[in-house]
PDB file of all heavy atoms in Angstrom:
ATOM      1  N   GLY A   1      78.453 158.766 104.339  1.00  0.00           N
ATOM      2  CA  GLY A   1      77.417 158.822 103.309  1.00  0.00           C
ATOM      3  C   GLY A   1      76.560 160.052 103.495  1.00  0.00           C
ATOM      4  O   GLY A   1      76.538 160.699 104.580  1.00  0.00           O
ATOM      5  N   THR A   2      75.841 160.437 102.465  1.00  0.00           N
ATOM      6  CA  THR A   2      74.958 161.610 102.470  1.00  0.00           C
ATOM      7  C   THR A   2      73.597 161.208 101.966  1.00  0.00           C
ATOM      8  O   THR A   2      73.472 160.456 101.008  1.00  0.00           O
ATOM      9  CB  THR A   2      75.520 162.724 101.576  1.00  0.00           C
ATOM     10  OG1 THR A   2      76.850 163.062 102.007  1.00  0.00           O
ATOM     11  CG2 THR A   2      74.664 163.966 101.690  1.00  0.00           C
ATOM     12  N   VAL A   3      72.566 161.673 102.674  1.00  0.00           N
ATOM     13  CA  VAL A   3      71.193 161.336 102.288  1.00  0.00           C
ATOM     14  C   VAL A   3      70.327 162.550 102.536  1.00  0.00           C
ATOM     15  O   VAL A   3      70.573 163.393 103.407  1.00  0.00           O
ATOM     16  CB  VAL A   3      70.693 160.142 103.113  1.00  0.00           C
ATOM     17  CG1 VAL A   3      70.560 160.463 104.563  1.00  0.00           C
ATOM     18  CG2 VAL A   3      69.356 159.629 102.542  1.00  0.00           C
ATOM     19  N   ASN A   4      69.280 162.699 101.743  1.00  0.00           N
ATOM     20  CA  ASN A   4      68.340 163.774 101.915  1.00  0.00           C
ATOM     21  C   ASN A   4      67.593 163.557 103.233  1.00  0.00           C
ATOM     22  O   ASN A   4      67.173 162.467 103.567  1.00  0.00           O
ATOM     23  CB  ASN A   4      67.323 163.807 100.760  1.00  0.00           C
ATOM     24  CG  ASN A   4      66.529 165.063 100.711  1.00  0.00           C
ATOM     25  OD1 ASN A   4      65.876 165.454 101.706  1.00  0.00           O
ATOM     26  ND2 ASN A   4      66.513 165.763  99.579  1.00  0.00           N
ATOM     27  N   MET A   5      67.435 164.623 104.018  1.00  0.00           N
ATOM     28  CA  MET A   5      66.817 164.459 105.340  1.00  0.00           C
ATOM     29  C   MET A   5      65.337 164.068 105.232  1.00  0.00           C
ATOM     30  O   MET A   5      64.751 163.616 106.232  1.00  0.00           O
ATOM     31  CB  MET A   5      66.937 165.747 106.149  1.00  0.00           C
ATOM     32  CG  MET A   5      66.181 166.949 105.570  1.00  0.00           C
ATOM     33  SD  MET A   5      66.159 168.348 106.708  1.00  0.00           S
ATOM     34  CE  MET A   5      67.921 168.586 106.956  1.00  0.00           C
ATOM     35  N   ALA A   6      64.732 164.228 104.063  1.00  0.00           N
ATOM     36  CA  ALA A   6      63.337 163.813 103.907  1.00  0.00           C
ATOM     37  C   ALA A   6      63.200 162.364 103.447  1.00  0.00           C
ATOM     38  O   ALA A   6      62.077 161.889 103.266  1.00  0.00           O
ATOM     39  CB  ALA A   6      62.643 164.758 102.897  1.00  0.00           C
ATOM     40  N   TYR A   7      64.302 161.685 103.266  1.00  0.00           N
ATOM     41  CA  TYR A   7      64.237 160.292 102.793  1.00  0.00           C
ATOM     42  C   TYR A   7      63.745 159.354 103.873  1.00  0.00           C
ATOM     43  O   TYR A   7      64.205 159.404 105.022  1.00  0.00           O
ATOM     44  CB  TYR A   7      65.632 159.840 102.298  1.00  0.00           C
ATOM     45  CG  TYR A   7      65.695 158.384 101.913  1.00  0.00           C
ATOM     46  CD1 TYR A   7      65.027 157.897 100.775  1.00  0.00           C
ATOM     47  CD2 TYR A   7      66.416 157.474 102.694  1.00  0.00           C
ATOM     48  CE1 TYR A   7      65.106 156.589 100.422  1.00  0.00           C
ATOM     49  CE2 TYR A   7      66.504 156.163 102.360  1.00  0.00           C
ATOM     50  CZ  TYR A   7      65.838 155.705 101.212  1.00  0.00           C
ATOM     51  OH  TYR A   7      65.871 154.401 100.875  1.00  0.00           O
ATOM     52  N   ASP A   8      62.791 158.494 103.510  1.00  0.00           N
ATOM     53  CA  ASP A   8      62.251 157.492 104.429  1.00  0.00           C
ATOM     54  C   ASP A   8      62.664 156.127 103.901  1.00  0.00           C
ATOM     55  O   ASP A   8      62.191 155.687 102.829  1.00  0.00           O
ATOM     56  CB  ASP A   8      60.739 157.595 104.521  1.00  0.00           C
ATOM     57  CG  ASP A   8      60.174 156.725 105.637  1.00  0.00           C
ATOM     58  OD1 ASP A   8      60.763 155.704 105.957  1.00  0.00           O
ATOM     59  OD2 ASP A   8      59.104 157.094 106.196  1.00  0.00           O
ATOM     60  N   PRO A   9      63.538 155.383 104.607  1.00  0.00           N
ATOM     61  CA  PRO A   9      64.011 154.100 104.073  1.00  0.00           C
ATOM     62  C   PRO A   9      62.917 153.055 103.892  1.00  0.00           C
ATOM     63  O   PRO A   9      62.986 152.212 103.026  1.00  0.00           O
ATOM     64  CB  PRO A   9      65.026 153.639 105.138  1.00  0.00           C
ATOM     65  CG  PRO A   9      65.426 154.905 105.859  1.00  0.00           C
ATOM     66  CD  PRO A   9      64.219 155.734 105.850  1.00  0.00           C
ATOM     67  N   GLU A  10      61.845 153.129 104.728  1.00  0.00           N
ATOM     68  CA  GLU A  10      60.810 152.109 104.647  1.00  0.00           C
ATOM     69  C   GLU A  10      59.729 152.487 103.659  1.00  0.00           C
ATOM     70  O   GLU A  10      59.079 151.652 103.063  1.00  0.00           O
ATOM     71  CB  GLU A  10      60.196 151.937 106.057  1.00  0.00           C
ATOM     72  CG  GLU A  10      61.188 151.319 107.037  1.00  0.00           C
ATOM     73  CD  GLU A  10      60.547 151.084 108.394  1.00  0.00           C
ATOM     74  OE1 GLU A  10      59.536 151.795 108.697  1.00  0.00           O
ATOM     75  OE2 GLU A  10      61.001 150.210 109.123  1.00  0.00           O
ATOM     76  N   TYR A  11      59.499 153.834 103.457  1.00  0.00           N
ATOM     77  CA  TYR A  11      58.516 154.300 102.507  1.00  0.00           C
ATOM     78  C   TYR A  11      59.123 155.356 101.606  1.00  0.00           C
ATOM     79  O   TYR A  11      59.021 156.588 101.900  1.00  0.00           O
ATOM     80  CB  TYR A  11      57.285 154.869 103.231  1.00  0.00           C
ATOM     81  CG  TYR A  11      56.644 153.882 104.184  1.00  0.00           C
ATOM     82  CD1 TYR A  11      56.950 153.898 105.541  1.00  0.00           C
ATOM     83  CD2 TYR A  11      55.765 152.903 103.703  1.00  0.00           C
ATOM     84  CE1 TYR A  11      56.354 153.008 106.400  1.00  0.00           C
ATOM     85  CE2 TYR A  11      55.163 151.994 104.590  1.00  0.00           C
ATOM     86  CZ  TYR A  11      55.486 152.042 105.937  1.00  0.00           C
ATOM     87  OH  TYR A  11      54.902 151.139 106.787  1.00  0.00           O
ATOM     88  N   PRO A  12      59.832 154.982 100.591  1.00  0.00           N
ATOM     89  CA  PRO A  12      60.545 155.931  99.725  1.00  0.00           C
ATOM     90  C   PRO A  12      59.670 156.991  99.088  1.00  0.00           C
ATOM     91  O   PRO A  12      60.154 158.096  98.753  1.00  0.00           O
ATOM     92  CB  PRO A  12      61.211 155.060  98.648  1.00  0.00           C
ATOM     93  CG  PRO A  12      61.270 153.697  99.279  1.00  0.00           C
ATOM     94  CD  PRO A  12      60.082 153.587 100.155  1.00  0.00           C
ATOM     95  N   THR A  13      58.370 156.740  98.929  1.00  0.00           N
ATOM     96  CA  THR A  13      57.488 157.732  98.300  1.00  0.00           C
ATOM     97  C   THR A  13      56.988 158.771  99.296  1.00  0.00           C
ATOM     98  O   THR A  13      56.325 159.731  98.878  1.00  0.00           O
ATOM     99  CB  THR A  13      56.299 157.008  97.698  1.00  0.00           C
ATOM    100  OG1 THR A  13      55.586 156.252  98.697  1.00  0.00           O
ATOM    101  CG2 THR A  13      56.715 156.053  96.576  1.00  0.00           C
ATOM    102  N   ALA A  14      57.249 158.532 100.585  1.00  0.00           N
ATOM    103  CA  ALA A  14      56.810 159.553 101.572  1.00  0.00           C
ATOM    104  C   ALA A  14      57.614 160.848 101.450  1.00  0.00           C
ATOM    105  O   ALA A  14      58.672 160.863 100.831  1.00  0.00           O
ATOM    106  CB  ALA A  14      56.971 158.957 102.977  1.00  0.00           C
ATOM    107  N   ASN A  15      57.035 161.901 102.020  1.00  0.00           N
ATOM    108  CA  ASN A  15      57.717 163.230 102.008  1.00  0.00           C
ATOM    109  C   ASN A  15      58.034 163.679 100.568  1.00  0.00           C
ATOM    110  O   ASN A  15      59.185 164.076 100.288  1.00  0.00           O
ATOM    111  CB  ASN A  15      59.002 163.190 102.845  1.00  0.00           C
ATOM    112  CG  ASN A  15      58.748 162.813 104.291  1.00  0.00           C
ATOM    113  OD1 ASN A  15      57.692 163.128 104.866  1.00  0.00           O
ATOM    114  ND2 ASN A  15      59.676 162.080 104.873  1.00  0.00           N
ATOM    115  N   ALA A  16      57.012 163.607  99.733  1.00  0.00           N
ATOM    116  CA  ALA A  16      57.188 164.044  98.344  1.00  0.00           C
ATOM    117  C   ALA A  16      58.324 163.315  97.653  1.00  0.00           C
ATOM    118  O   ALA A  16      59.234 163.939  97.090  1.00  0.00           O
ATOM    119  CB  ALA A  16      57.343 165.555  98.252  1.00  0.00           C
ATOM    120  N   ASN A  17      58.275 161.988  97.792  1.00  0.00           N
ATOM    121  CA  ASN A  17      59.357 161.135  97.203  1.00  0.00           C
ATOM    122  C   ASN A  17      60.708 161.463  97.805  1.00  0.00           C
ATOM    123  O   ASN A  17      61.743 161.392  97.119  1.00  0.00           O
ATOM    124  CB  ASN A  17      59.402 161.245  95.693  1.00  0.00           C
ATOM    125  CG  ASN A  17      58.134 160.677  95.039  1.00  0.00           C
ATOM    126  OD1 ASN A  17      57.602 159.661  95.494  1.00  0.00           O
ATOM    127  ND2 ASN A  17      57.631 161.345  93.990  1.00  0.00           N
ATOM    128  N   GLY A  18      60.717 161.785  99.107  1.00  0.00           N
ATOM    129  CA  GLY A  18      61.982 161.995  99.784  1.00  0.00           C
ATOM    130  C   GLY A  18      62.673 163.307  99.420  1.00  0.00           C
ATOM    131  O   GLY A  18      63.908 163.358  99.439  1.00  0.00           O
ATOM    132  N   THR A  19      61.901 164.341  99.123  1.00  0.00           N
ATOM    133  CA  THR A  19      62.506 165.620  98.711  1.00  0.00           C
ATOM    134  C   THR A  19      62.263 166.766  99.706  1.00  0.00           C
ATOM    135  O   THR A  19      63.091 167.611  99.914  1.00  0.00           O
ATOM    136  CB  THR A  19      61.970 166.064  97.351  1.00  0.00           C
ATOM    137  OG1 THR A  19      60.529 166.144  97.375  1.00  0.00           O
ATOM    138  CG2 THR A  19      62.397 165.056  96.271  1.00  0.00           C
ATOM    139  N   ILE A  20      61.066 166.768 100.358  1.00  0.00           N
ATOM    140  CA  ILE A  20      60.715 167.850 101.286  1.00  0.00           C
ATOM    141  C   ILE A  20      60.187 167.246 102.578  1.00  0.00           C
ATOM    142  O   ILE A  20      59.284 166.395 102.537  1.00  0.00           O
ATOM    143  CB  ILE A  20      59.655 168.786 100.643  1.00  0.00           C
ATOM    144  CG1 ILE A  20      60.207 169.430  99.378  1.00  0.00           C
ATOM    145  CG2 ILE A  20      59.246 169.867 101.648  1.00  0.00           C
ATOM    146  CD1 ILE A  20      59.217 170.340  98.687  1.00  0.00           C
ATOM    147  N   LEU A  21      60.696 167.715 103.666  1.00  0.00           N
ATOM    148  CA  LEU A  21      60.222 167.257 104.982  1.00  0.00           C
ATOM    149  C   LEU A  21      59.359 168.360 105.588  1.00  0.00           C
ATOM    150  O   LEU A  21      59.772 169.508 105.702  1.00  0.00           O
ATOM    151  CB  LEU A  21      61.412 166.964 105.905  1.00  0.00           C
ATOM    152  CG  LEU A  21      61.086 166.517 107.325  1.00  0.00           C
ATOM    153  CD1 LEU A  21      60.377 165.171 107.318  1.00  0.00           C
ATOM    154  CD2 LEU A  21      62.325 166.479 108.178  1.00  0.00           C
ATOM    155  N   GLU A  22      58.125 167.986 105.948  1.00  0.00           N
ATOM    156  CA  GLU A  22      57.205 168.986 106.483  1.00  0.00           C
ATOM    157  C   GLU A  22      57.276 168.997 108.008  1.00  0.00           C
ATOM    158  O   GLU A  22      57.480 167.965 108.665  1.00  0.00           O
ATOM    159  CB  GLU A  22      55.799 168.668 106.055  1.00  0.00           C
ATOM    160  CG  GLU A  22      55.548 168.826 104.534  1.00  0.00           C
ATOM    161  CD  GLU A  22      54.088 168.593 104.160  1.00  0.00           C
ATOM    162  OE1 GLU A  22      53.320 168.195 105.025  1.00  0.00           O
ATOM    163  OE2 GLU A  22      53.760 168.845 102.998  1.00  0.00           O
ATOM    164  N   ALA A  23      57.121 170.234 108.596  1.00  0.00           N
ATOM    165  CA  ALA A  23      57.106 170.406 110.018  1.00  0.00           C
ATOM    166  C   ALA A  23      56.208 171.590 110.354  1.00  0.00           C
ATOM    167  O   ALA A  23      56.037 172.506 109.521  1.00  0.00           O
ATOM    168  CB  ALA A  23      58.530 170.627 110.566  1.00  0.00           C
ATOM    169  N   VAL A  24      55.672 171.609 111.540  1.00  0.00           N
ATOM    170  CA  VAL A  24      54.763 172.650 111.977  1.00  0.00           C
ATOM    171  C   VAL A  24      55.497 173.556 112.979  1.00  0.00           C
ATOM    172  O   VAL A  24      56.105 173.090 113.932  1.00  0.00           O
ATOM    173  CB  VAL A  24      53.505 172.068 112.651  1.00  0.00           C
ATOM    174  CG1 VAL A  24      52.546 173.183 113.100  1.00  0.00           C
ATOM    175  CG2 VAL A  24      52.756 171.147 111.684  1.00  0.00           C
ATOM    176  N   THR A  25      55.447 174.875 112.734  1.00  0.00           N
ATOM    177  CA  THR A  25      56.121 175.846 113.599  1.00  0.00           C
ATOM    178  C   THR A  25      55.264 176.149 114.795  1.00  0.00           C
ATOM    179  O   THR A  25      54.095 175.728 114.898  1.00  0.00           O
ATOM    180  CB  THR A  25      56.429 177.124 112.833  1.00  0.00           C
ATOM    181  OG1 THR A  25      55.187 177.711 112.421  1.00  0.00           O
ATOM    182  CG2 THR A  25      57.248 176.797 111.600  1.00  0.00           C
TER     183      THR A  25
END
């Protein structure tokens, strides 16, 4: 299977509705 890496199974609305994952450099 394939899934967006920003997808949160418990909170689907997190990470801009599962589209963008934020990280600090």
